[in-house]
Full PDB file with SEQRES, HELIX, SHEET, SSBOND, CRYST1, ORIGX, SCALE, CONECT and MASTER records, all heavy atoms in Angstrom:
SEQRES   1 A   32  PHE ASP GLY ALA ILE GLY SER LEU ALA ALA ARG PRO GLN          
SEQRES   2 A   32  ALA ALA ALA GLY SER ASP PHE PHE ILE SER ILE HIS HIS          
SEQRES   3 A   32  ASP SER ILE ASP GLU ALA                                      
HELIX    1 AA1 ALA A   10  ALA A   14  1                                   5    
CRYST1    1.000    1.000    1.000  90.00  90.00  90.00 P 1           1          
ORIGX1      1.000000  0.000000  0.000000        0.00000                         
ORIGX2      0.000000  1.000000  0.000000        0.00000                         
ORIGX3      0.000000  0.000000  1.000000        0.00000                         
SCALE1      1.000000  0.000000  0.000000        0.00000                         
SCALE2      0.000000  1.000000  0.000000        0.00000                         
SCALE3      0.000000  0.000000  1.000000        0.00000                         
ATOM      1  N   PHE A   1     -30.319  66.672   8.231  1.00  0.00           N  
ATOM      2  CA  PHE A   1     -29.122  66.854   9.045  1.00  0.00           C  
ATOM      3  C   PHE A   1     -28.753  65.571   9.781  1.00  0.00           C  
ATOM      4  O   PHE A   1     -27.595  65.387  10.165  1.00  0.00           O  
ATOM      5  CB  PHE A   1     -29.322  67.997  10.045  1.00  0.00           C  
ATOM      6  CG  PHE A   1     -28.962  69.345   9.483  1.00  0.00           C  
ATOM      7  CD1 PHE A   1     -29.639  69.873   8.387  1.00  0.00           C  
ATOM      8  CD2 PHE A   1     -27.943  70.091  10.054  1.00  0.00           C  
ATOM      9  CE1 PHE A   1     -29.316  71.117   7.865  1.00  0.00           C  
ATOM     10  CE2 PHE A   1     -27.597  71.335   9.531  1.00  0.00           C  
ATOM     11  CZ  PHE A   1     -28.288  71.850   8.428  1.00  0.00           C  
ATOM     12  N   ASP A   2     -29.729  64.687   9.990  1.00  0.00           N  
ATOM     13  CA  ASP A   2     -29.420  63.413  10.631  1.00  0.00           C  
ATOM     14  C   ASP A   2     -29.111  62.319   9.614  1.00  0.00           C  
ATOM     15  O   ASP A   2     -28.810  61.178   9.992  1.00  0.00           O  
ATOM     16  CB  ASP A   2     -30.570  62.960  11.531  1.00  0.00           C  
ATOM     17  CG  ASP A   2     -31.896  62.778  10.777  1.00  0.00           C  
ATOM     18  OD1 ASP A   2     -31.911  62.973   9.545  1.00  0.00           O  
ATOM     19  OD2 ASP A   2     -32.911  62.450  11.422  1.00  0.00           O  
ATOM     20  N   GLY A   3     -29.183  62.628   8.339  1.00  0.00           N  
ATOM     21  CA  GLY A   3     -28.866  61.652   7.303  1.00  0.00           C  
ATOM     22  C   GLY A   3     -29.911  60.584   7.108  1.00  0.00           C  
ATOM     23  O   GLY A   3     -29.666  59.585   6.423  1.00  0.00           O  
ATOM     24  N   ALA A   4     -31.107  60.773   7.662  1.00  0.00           N  
ATOM     25  CA  ALA A   4     -32.116  59.711   7.653  1.00  0.00           C  
ATOM     26  C   ALA A   4     -32.996  59.713   6.415  1.00  0.00           C  
ATOM     27  O   ALA A   4     -33.741  58.749   6.182  1.00  0.00           O  
ATOM     28  CB  ALA A   4     -32.989  59.824   8.904  1.00  0.00           C  
ATOM     29  N   ILE A   5     -32.976  60.777   5.597  1.00  0.00           N  
ATOM     30  CA  ILE A   5     -33.827  60.813   4.414  1.00  0.00           C  
ATOM     31  C   ILE A   5     -33.181  59.976   3.315  1.00  0.00           C  
ATOM     32  O   ILE A   5     -32.091  60.280   2.844  1.00  0.00           O  
ATOM     33  CB  ILE A   5     -34.053  62.258   3.925  1.00  0.00           C  
ATOM     34  CG1 ILE A   5     -34.795  63.063   4.998  1.00  0.00           C  
ATOM     35  CG2 ILE A   5     -34.847  62.256   2.623  1.00  0.00           C  
ATOM     36  CD1 ILE A   5     -35.066  64.502   4.605  1.00  0.00           C  
ATOM     37  N   GLY A   6     -33.866  58.931   2.918  1.00  0.00           N  
ATOM     38  CA  GLY A   6     -33.268  58.002   1.952  1.00  0.00           C  
ATOM     39  C   GLY A   6     -33.600  58.291   0.508  1.00  0.00           C  
ATOM     40  O   GLY A   6     -32.919  57.804  -0.384  1.00  0.00           O  
ATOM     41  N   SER A   7     -34.629  59.076   0.257  1.00  0.00           N  
ATOM     42  CA  SER A   7     -35.102  59.324  -1.100  1.00  0.00           C  
ATOM     43  C   SER A   7     -34.755  60.737  -1.528  1.00  0.00           C  
ATOM     44  O   SER A   7     -34.953  61.702  -0.766  1.00  0.00           O  
ATOM     45  CB  SER A   7     -36.619  59.115  -1.161  1.00  0.00           C  
ATOM     46  OG  SER A   7     -37.178  59.739  -2.274  1.00  0.00           O  
ATOM     47  N   LEU A   8     -34.281  60.892  -2.762  1.00  0.00           N  
ATOM     48  CA  LEU A   8     -33.992  62.226  -3.279  1.00  0.00           C  
ATOM     49  C   LEU A   8     -35.261  63.065  -3.368  1.00  0.00           C  
ATOM     50  O   LEU A   8     -35.260  64.257  -3.044  1.00  0.00           O  
ATOM     51  CB  LEU A   8     -33.333  62.129  -4.654  1.00  0.00           C  
ATOM     52  CG  LEU A   8     -31.913  61.580  -4.691  1.00  0.00           C  
ATOM     53  CD1 LEU A   8     -31.433  61.444  -6.128  1.00  0.00           C  
ATOM     54  CD2 LEU A   8     -30.961  62.472  -3.905  1.00  0.00           C  
ATOM     55  N   ALA A   9     -36.358  62.443  -3.788  1.00  0.00           N  
ATOM     56  CA  ALA A   9     -37.614  63.173  -3.924  1.00  0.00           C  
ATOM     57  C   ALA A   9     -38.150  63.633  -2.577  1.00  0.00           C  
ATOM     58  O   ALA A   9     -38.889  64.628  -2.489  1.00  0.00           O  
ATOM     59  CB  ALA A   9     -38.650  62.303  -4.622  1.00  0.00           C  
ATOM     60  N   ALA A  10     -37.772  62.927  -1.503  1.00  0.00           N  
ATOM     61  CA  ALA A  10     -38.271  63.293  -0.171  1.00  0.00           C  
ATOM     62  C   ALA A  10     -37.620  64.568   0.362  1.00  0.00           C  
ATOM     63  O   ALA A  10     -38.160  65.205   1.264  1.00  0.00           O  
ATOM     64  CB  ALA A  10     -38.031  62.153   0.801  1.00  0.00           C  
ATOM     65  N   ARG A  11     -36.489  64.956  -0.203  1.00  0.00           N  
ATOM     66  CA  ARG A  11     -35.809  66.151   0.283  1.00  0.00           C  
ATOM     67  C   ARG A  11     -36.603  67.425  -0.033  1.00  0.00           C  
ATOM     68  O   ARG A  11     -36.882  68.216   0.864  1.00  0.00           O  
ATOM     69  CB  ARG A  11     -34.396  66.218  -0.289  1.00  0.00           C  
ATOM     70  CG  ARG A  11     -33.517  65.074   0.191  1.00  0.00           C  
ATOM     71  CD  ARG A  11     -32.212  65.008  -0.587  1.00  0.00           C  
ATOM     72  NE  ARG A  11     -31.419  63.867  -0.194  1.00  0.00           N  
ATOM     73  CZ  ARG A  11     -30.521  63.872   0.782  1.00  0.00           C  
ATOM     74  NH1 ARG A  11     -30.311  64.980   1.461  1.00  0.00           N  
ATOM     75  NH2 ARG A  11     -29.843  62.780   1.087  1.00  0.00           N  
ATOM     76  N   PRO A  12     -36.959  67.668  -1.312  1.00  0.00           N  
ATOM     77  CA  PRO A  12     -37.786  68.841  -1.567  1.00  0.00           C  
ATOM     78  C   PRO A  12     -39.155  68.750  -0.910  1.00  0.00           C  
ATOM     79  O   PRO A  12     -39.757  69.779  -0.579  1.00  0.00           O  
ATOM     80  CB  PRO A  12     -37.893  68.880  -3.105  1.00  0.00           C  
ATOM     81  CG  PRO A  12     -37.489  67.529  -3.575  1.00  0.00           C  
ATOM     82  CD  PRO A  12     -36.546  66.995  -2.564  1.00  0.00           C  
ATOM     83  N   GLN A  13     -39.669  67.537  -0.712  1.00  0.00           N  
ATOM     84  CA  GLN A  13     -40.936  67.399   0.007  1.00  0.00           C  
ATOM     85  C   GLN A  13     -40.792  67.901   1.440  1.00  0.00           C  
ATOM     86  O   GLN A  13     -41.693  68.553   1.979  1.00  0.00           O  
ATOM     87  CB  GLN A  13     -41.391  65.940  -0.011  1.00  0.00           C  
ATOM     88  CG  GLN A  13     -41.837  65.450  -1.374  1.00  0.00           C  
ATOM     89  CD  GLN A  13     -42.127  63.957  -1.405  1.00  0.00           C  
ATOM     90  OE1 GLN A  13     -42.033  63.289  -0.369  1.00  0.00           O  
ATOM     91  NE2 GLN A  13     -42.464  63.424  -2.566  1.00  0.00           N  
ATOM     92  N   ALA A  14     -39.653  67.605   2.044  1.00  0.00           N  
ATOM     93  CA  ALA A  14     -39.404  68.064   3.423  1.00  0.00           C  
ATOM     94  C   ALA A  14     -39.249  69.569   3.504  1.00  0.00           C  
ATOM     95  O   ALA A  14     -39.402  70.152   4.577  1.00  0.00           O  
ATOM     96  CB  ALA A  14     -38.165  67.374   3.978  1.00  0.00           C  
ATOM     97  N   ALA A  15     -38.951  70.192   2.371  1.00  0.00           N  
ATOM     98  CA  ALA A  15     -38.757  71.643   2.330  1.00  0.00           C  
ATOM     99  C   ALA A  15     -40.015  72.394   1.940  1.00  0.00           C  
ATOM    100  O   ALA A  15     -40.014  73.629   1.924  1.00  0.00           O  
ATOM    101  CB  ALA A  15     -37.645  71.988   1.350  1.00  0.00           C  
ATOM    102  N   ALA A  16     -41.082  71.684   1.604  1.00  0.00           N  
ATOM    103  CA  ALA A  16     -42.313  72.324   1.127  1.00  0.00           C  
ATOM    104  C   ALA A  16     -42.794  73.392   2.106  1.00  0.00           C  
ATOM    105  O   ALA A  16     -42.822  73.171   3.317  1.00  0.00           O  
ATOM    106  CB  ALA A  16     -43.398  71.280   0.909  1.00  0.00           C  
ATOM    107  N   GLY A  17     -43.153  74.548   1.571  1.00  0.00           N  
ATOM    108  CA  GLY A  17     -43.610  75.657   2.388  1.00  0.00           C  
ATOM    109  C   GLY A  17     -42.532  76.650   2.711  1.00  0.00           C  
ATOM    110  O   GLY A  17     -42.825  77.743   3.208  1.00  0.00           O  
ATOM    111  N   SER A  18     -41.270  76.312   2.426  1.00  0.00           N  
ATOM    112  CA  SER A  18     -40.181  77.257   2.600  1.00  0.00           C  
ATOM    113  C   SER A  18     -40.149  78.202   1.396  1.00  0.00           C  
ATOM    114  O   SER A  18     -40.944  78.066   0.454  1.00  0.00           O  
ATOM    115  CB  SER A  18     -38.842  76.517   2.741  1.00  0.00           C  
ATOM    116  OG  SER A  18     -38.846  75.685   3.870  1.00  0.00           O  
ATOM    117  N   ASP A  19     -39.206  79.136   1.417  1.00  0.00           N  
ATOM    118  CA  ASP A  19     -39.121  80.120   0.335  1.00  0.00           C  
ATOM    119  C   ASP A  19     -37.953  79.874  -0.611  1.00  0.00           C  
ATOM    120  O   ASP A  19     -37.936  80.389  -1.725  1.00  0.00           O  
ATOM    121  CB  ASP A  19     -38.994  81.529   0.926  1.00  0.00           C  
ATOM    122  CG  ASP A  19     -40.192  81.865   1.785  1.00  0.00           C  
ATOM    123  OD1 ASP A  19     -41.300  81.963   1.238  1.00  0.00           O  
ATOM    124  OD2 ASP A  19     -40.025  82.002   3.018  1.00  0.00           O  
ATOM    125  N   PHE A  20     -36.985  79.082  -0.158  1.00  0.00           N  
ATOM    126  CA  PHE A  20     -35.829  78.777  -0.997  1.00  0.00           C  
ATOM    127  C   PHE A  20     -35.218  77.480  -0.505  1.00  0.00           C  
ATOM    128  O   PHE A  20     -35.265  77.152   0.678  1.00  0.00           O  
ATOM    129  CB  PHE A  20     -34.786  79.905  -0.926  1.00  0.00           C  
ATOM    130  CG  PHE A  20     -33.759  79.850  -2.011  1.00  0.00           C  
ATOM    131  CD1 PHE A  20     -33.965  80.481  -3.225  1.00  0.00           C  
ATOM    132  CD2 PHE A  20     -32.574  79.147  -1.836  1.00  0.00           C  
ATOM    133  CE1 PHE A  20     -33.025  80.411  -4.247  1.00  0.00           C  
ATOM    134  CE2 PHE A  20     -31.630  79.064  -2.841  1.00  0.00           C  
ATOM    135  CZ  PHE A  20     -31.851  79.694  -4.053  1.00  0.00           C  
ATOM    136  N   PHE A  21     -34.637  76.713  -1.451  1.00  0.00           N  
ATOM    137  CA  PHE A  21     -34.047  75.412  -1.142  1.00  0.00           C  
ATOM    138  C   PHE A  21     -32.599  75.422  -1.618  1.00  0.00           C  
ATOM    139  O   PHE A  21     -32.331  75.712  -2.781  1.00  0.00           O  
ATOM    140  CB  PHE A  21     -34.840  74.307  -1.840  1.00  0.00           C  
ATOM    141  CG  PHE A  21     -34.330  72.912  -1.603  1.00  0.00           C  
ATOM    142  CD1 PHE A  21     -34.775  72.166  -0.530  1.00  0.00           C  
ATOM    143  CD2 PHE A  21     -33.398  72.329  -2.458  1.00  0.00           C  
ATOM    144  CE1 PHE A  21     -34.321  70.868  -0.304  1.00  0.00           C  
ATOM    145  CE2 PHE A  21     -32.943  71.041  -2.255  1.00  0.00           C  
ATOM    146  CZ  PHE A  21     -33.402  70.306  -1.172  1.00  0.00           C  
ATOM    147  N   ILE A  22     -31.667  75.121  -0.705  1.00  0.00           N  
ATOM    148  CA  ILE A  22     -30.266  74.971  -1.084  1.00  0.00           C  
ATOM    149  C   ILE A  22     -29.734  73.657  -0.552  1.00  0.00           C  
ATOM    150  O   ILE A  22     -29.870  73.350   0.636  1.00  0.00           O  
ATOM    151  CB  ILE A  22     -29.399  76.163  -0.599  1.00  0.00           C  
ATOM    152  CG1 ILE A  22     -27.948  75.985  -1.055  1.00  0.00           C  
ATOM    153  CG2 ILE A  22     -29.509  76.385   0.891  1.00  0.00           C  
ATOM    154  CD1 ILE A  22     -27.095  77.220  -0.897  1.00  0.00           C  
ATOM    155  N   SER A  23     -29.188  72.849  -1.461  1.00  0.00           N  
ATOM    156  CA  SER A  23     -28.658  71.536  -1.100  1.00  0.00           C  
ATOM    157  C   SER A  23     -27.130  71.609  -1.074  1.00  0.00           C  
ATOM    158  O   SER A  23     -26.506  72.074  -2.032  1.00  0.00           O  
ATOM    159  CB  SER A  23     -29.123  70.479  -2.108  1.00  0.00           C  
ATOM    160  OG  SER A  23     -28.738  69.187  -1.693  1.00  0.00           O  
ATOM    161  N   ILE A  24     -26.544  71.177   0.023  1.00  0.00           N  
ATOM    162  CA  ILE A  24     -25.098  71.302   0.243  1.00  0.00           C  
ATOM    163  C   ILE A  24     -24.380  70.011  -0.113  1.00  0.00           C  
ATOM    164  O   ILE A  24     -24.735  68.927   0.377  1.00  0.00           O  
ATOM    165  CB  ILE A  24     -24.809  71.672   1.705  1.00  0.00           C  
ATOM    166  CG1 ILE A  24     -25.542  72.954   2.088  1.00  0.00           C  
ATOM    167  CG2 ILE A  24     -23.304  71.799   1.932  1.00  0.00           C  
ATOM    168  CD1 ILE A  24     -25.203  74.160   1.234  1.00  0.00           C  
ATOM    169  N   HIS A  25     -23.346  70.143  -0.946  1.00  0.00           N  
ATOM    170  CA  HIS A  25     -22.564  68.997  -1.372  1.00  0.00           C  
ATOM    171  C   HIS A  25     -21.080  69.371  -1.438  1.00  0.00           C  
ATOM    172  O   HIS A  25     -20.718  70.535  -1.364  1.00  0.00           O  
ATOM    173  CB  HIS A  25     -23.011  68.518  -2.759  1.00  0.00           C  
ATOM    174  CG  HIS A  25     -24.339  67.835  -2.757  1.00  0.00           C  
ATOM    175  ND1 HIS A  25     -24.497  66.473  -2.852  1.00  0.00           N  
ATOM    176  CD2 HIS A  25     -25.600  68.350  -2.657  1.00  0.00           C  
ATOM    177  CE1 HIS A  25     -25.781  66.161  -2.810  1.00  0.00           C  
ATOM    178  NE2 HIS A  25     -26.479  67.291  -2.696  1.00  0.00           N  
ATOM    179  N   HIS A  26     -20.239  68.347  -1.594  1.00  0.00           N  
ATOM    180  CA  HIS A  26     -18.820  68.513  -1.872  1.00  0.00           C  
ATOM    181  C   HIS A  26     -18.486  67.601  -3.043  1.00  0.00           C  
ATOM    182  O   HIS A  26     -19.031  66.514  -3.169  1.00  0.00           O  
ATOM    183  CB  HIS A  26     -17.971  68.180  -0.664  1.00  0.00           C  
ATOM    184  CG  HIS A  26     -18.076  69.211   0.435  1.00  0.00           C  
ATOM    185  ND1 HIS A  26     -19.205  69.363   1.197  1.00  0.00           N  
ATOM    186  CD2 HIS A  26     -17.168  70.140   0.876  1.00  0.00           C  
ATOM    187  CE1 HIS A  26     -18.997  70.348   2.075  1.00  0.00           C  
ATOM    188  NE2 HIS A  26     -17.787  70.824   1.894  1.00  0.00           N  
ATOM    189  N   ASP A  27     -17.573  68.034  -3.875  1.00  0.00           N  
ATOM    190  CA  ASP A  27     -17.365  67.428  -5.189  1.00  0.00           C  
ATOM    191  C   ASP A  27     -16.250  66.398  -5.203  1.00  0.00           C  
ATOM    192  O   ASP A  27     -15.359  66.370  -4.350  1.00  0.00           O  
ATOM    193  CB  ASP A  27     -17.047  68.534  -6.188  1.00  0.00           C  
ATOM    194  CG  ASP A  27     -17.558  68.241  -7.584  1.00  0.00           C  
ATOM    195  OD1 ASP A  27     -18.118  67.152  -7.792  1.00  0.00           O  
ATOM    196  OD2 ASP A  27     -17.384  69.100  -8.460  1.00  0.00           O  
ATOM    197  N   SER A  28     -16.283  65.553  -6.239  1.00  0.00           N  
ATOM    198  CA  SER A  28     -15.241  64.573  -6.513  1.00  0.00           C  
ATOM    199  C   SER A  28     -14.791  64.767  -7.961  1.00  0.00           C  
ATOM    200  O   SER A  28     -14.884  65.880  -8.506  1.00  0.00           O  
ATOM    201  CB  SER A  28     -15.757  63.153  -6.271  1.00  0.00           C  
ATOM    202  OG  SER A  28     -14.717  62.211  -6.449  1.00  0.00           O  
ATOM    203  N   ILE A  29     -14.337  63.716  -8.603  1.00  0.00           N  
ATOM    204  CA  ILE A  29     -13.893  63.783  -9.983  1.00  0.00           C  
ATOM    205  C   ILE A  29     -13.938  62.381 -10.573  1.00  0.00           C  
ATOM    206  O   ILE A  29     -13.872  61.378  -9.831  1.00  0.00           O  
ATOM    207  CB  ILE A  29     -12.462  64.364 -10.075  1.00  0.00           C  
ATOM    208  CG1 ILE A  29     -12.102  64.745 -11.520  1.00  0.00           C  
ATOM    209  CG2 ILE A  29     -11.447  63.430  -9.454  1.00  0.00           C  
ATOM    210  CD1 ILE A  29     -10.813  65.520 -11.650  1.00  0.00           C  
ATOM    211  N   ASP A  30     -14.057  62.269 -11.890  1.00  0.00           N  
ATOM    212  CA  ASP A  30     -14.080  60.966 -12.540  1.00  0.00           C  
ATOM    213  C   ASP A  30     -12.800  60.190 -12.242  1.00  0.00           C  
ATOM    214  O   ASP A  30     -11.715  60.763 -12.098  1.00  0.00           O  
ATOM    215  CB  ASP A  30     -14.234  61.140 -14.053  1.00  0.00           C  
ATOM    216  CG  ASP A  30     -15.597  61.679 -14.448  1.00  0.00           C  
ATOM    217  OD1 ASP A  30     -16.538  61.568 -13.630  1.00  0.00           O  
ATOM    218  OD2 ASP A  30     -15.712  62.213 -15.568  1.00  0.00           O  
ATOM    219  N   GLU A  31     -12.944  58.879 -12.186  1.00  0.00           N  
ATOM    220  CA  GLU A  31     -11.816  58.019 -11.840  1.00  0.00           C  
ATOM    221  C   GLU A  31     -10.622  58.189 -12.782  1.00  0.00           C  
ATOM    222  O   GLU A  31      -9.466  57.991 -12.378  1.00  0.00           O  
ATOM    223  CB  GLU A  31     -12.260  56.556 -11.833  1.00  0.00           C  
ATOM    224  CG  GLU A  31     -13.191  56.195 -10.681  1.00  0.00           C  
ATOM    225  CD  GLU A  31     -13.460  54.699 -10.611  1.00  0.00           C  
ATOM    226  OE1 GLU A  31     -12.793  53.945 -11.357  1.00  0.00           O  
ATOM    227  OE2 GLU A  31     -14.324  54.301  -9.825  1.00  0.00           O  
ATOM    228  N   ALA A  32     -10.897  58.547 -14.022  1.00  0.00           N  
ATOM    229  CA  ALA A  32      -9.803  58.696 -14.989  1.00  0.00           C  
ATOM    230  C   ALA A  32      -8.810  59.770 -14.567  1.00  0.00           C  
ATOM    231  O   ALA A  32      -7.651  59.764 -15.032  1.00  0.00           O  
ATOM    232  CB  ALA A  32     -10.372  59.030 -16.367  1.00  0.00           C  
TER     233      ALA A  32                                                      
MASTER        0    0    0    1    0    0    0    6  232    1    0    3          
END                                                                             
């Protein structure tokens, strides 16, 4: 939530021990 995690692999590591993981994003589109 503070944006400080720099590694993608560190995100699920930070969630270890939870029961479910949901990653929130918003979409874009190809430049074409």
